[in-house]
Protein backbone atom coordinates (compact mmCIF):
# COMPACT_ATOMS: atom_id res chain seq x y z
CA MET A 1 135.63 89.28 98.69
CA VAL A 2 136.59 91.51 95.84
CA PRO A 3 134.72 94.77 95.33
CA VAL A 4 133.78 95.48 91.73
CA THR A 5 132.83 98.97 90.57
CA PRO A 6 133.73 101.05 87.54
CA HIS A 7 133.57 104.15 89.75
CA ALA A 8 136.55 103.63 92.08
CA ALA A 9 140.06 102.17 91.95
CA GLU A 10 139.83 101.27 95.63
CA ILE A 11 137.41 101.37 98.55
CA ASP A 12 138.74 101.66 102.11
CA GLY A 13 142.20 100.68 100.88
CA VAL A 14 140.97 97.59 99.02
CA ALA A 15 141.63 97.50 95.28
CA CYS A 16 138.51 97.30 93.09
CA ALA A 17 138.05 95.62 89.75
CA SER A 18 136.04 97.61 87.22
CA ARG A 19 134.29 94.48 85.83
CA VAL A 20 133.87 90.95 87.18
CA GLN A 21 135.91 89.58 84.28
CA GLU A 22 138.95 91.40 85.74
CA VAL A 23 138.79 89.64 89.14
CA ALA A 24 141.88 87.48 89.62
CA PRO A 25 141.96 84.77 90.59
CA ALA A 26 138.55 84.01 89.14
CA VAL A 27 135.67 83.44 91.56
CA ASP A 28 132.77 81.00 91.37
CA ALA A 29 130.12 83.14 93.09
CA ALA A 30 128.95 86.76 93.15
CA LEU A 31 126.76 88.85 95.42
CA LEU A 32 125.19 91.66 93.41
CA LEU A 33 124.12 94.77 95.29
CA THR A 34 123.40 96.70 92.12
CA SER A 35 120.65 98.96 90.87
CA ALA A 36 117.92 97.35 88.79
CA ALA A 37 119.18 99.29 85.77
CA VAL A 38 122.61 97.62 85.70
CA THR A 39 121.84 94.18 87.18
CA PRO A 40 121.10 92.49 83.81
CA SER A 41 124.45 93.60 82.35
CA VAL A 42 126.32 92.53 85.50
CA VAL A 43 124.61 89.11 85.34
CA GLN A 44 125.81 88.81 81.73
CA ASP A 45 129.33 89.79 82.85
CA CYS A 46 129.17 87.07 85.51
CA GLY A 47 128.28 84.54 82.82
CA LEU A 48 131.21 85.67 80.66
CA ALA A 49 133.51 85.34 83.69
CA GLY A 50 132.30 81.77 84.35
CA ILE A 51 130.53 82.67 87.60
CA ARG A 52 127.77 80.12 88.11
CA ARG A 53 126.36 81.15 91.50
CA ILE A 54 124.77 84.60 91.68
CA TRP A 55 122.83 86.25 94.49
CA MET A 56 120.93 89.32 93.32
CA TYR A 57 119.64 91.74 95.91
CA ARG A 58 116.95 92.86 93.49
CA ASP A 59 114.86 90.53 91.36
CA THR A 60 114.89 92.27 88.01
CA GLY A 61 113.53 89.28 86.11
CA CYS A 62 116.68 89.23 84.01
CA ASN A 63 117.79 86.05 82.30
CA VAL A 64 120.62 84.19 84.00
CA PRO A 65 123.03 82.08 81.97
CA GLU A 66 122.12 78.42 81.63
CA GLY A 67 123.67 76.31 84.36
CA THR A 68 123.74 79.23 86.79
CA GLN A 69 122.26 78.98 90.27
CA ALA A 70 120.59 82.26 91.17
CA VAL A 71 118.95 83.70 94.25
CA ALA A 72 116.94 86.77 93.33
CA GLY A 73 115.08 89.29 95.41
CA GLU A 74 116.37 88.15 98.81
CA CYS A 75 118.24 90.66 100.95
CA PRO A 76 121.49 88.99 102.00
CA PHE A 77 121.61 90.98 105.23
CA MET A 78 118.74 88.98 106.68
CA PHE A 79 120.99 85.91 106.58
CA PHE A 80 124.16 87.50 107.99
CA PRO A 81 124.88 87.30 111.72
CA ASN A 82 124.99 90.47 113.82
CA THR A 83 122.99 92.68 111.46
CA GLY A 84 120.66 95.50 112.37
CA LEU A 85 117.27 94.96 113.92
CA ILE A 86 115.28 95.44 110.72
CA HIS A 87 117.36 92.77 108.96
CA ARG A 88 116.91 90.32 111.84
CA ILE A 89 113.13 90.90 111.82
CA HIS A 90 113.02 90.42 108.05
CA GLY A 91 115.04 87.20 108.40
CA PHE A 92 112.76 85.94 111.17
CA PHE A 93 109.64 86.38 109.04
CA HIS A 94 111.39 84.82 106.06
CA ARG A 95 112.24 81.70 108.10
CA VAL A 96 108.73 81.47 109.58
CA ALA A 97 107.06 81.80 106.18
């Protein structure tokens, strides 16, 4: 994983890219935990970087580039192992529904 933020050069000792286009080597998927205000521009950046699989924490209704697989509006933490109780409950109801 490569953290991407224009607000920090590193997080917990891990170097950050300021835009997804700067990630090297290039990646083929992105997990966006962004505010609704910036998600559309980050999705566009992903398209410019050739990223064709995007998981957006928030469903902003933004257009994704053609040929891109997108998951929108699903909290990724409900799919991760060993998460907090609220995430496990959310994941349980998601699987049951």
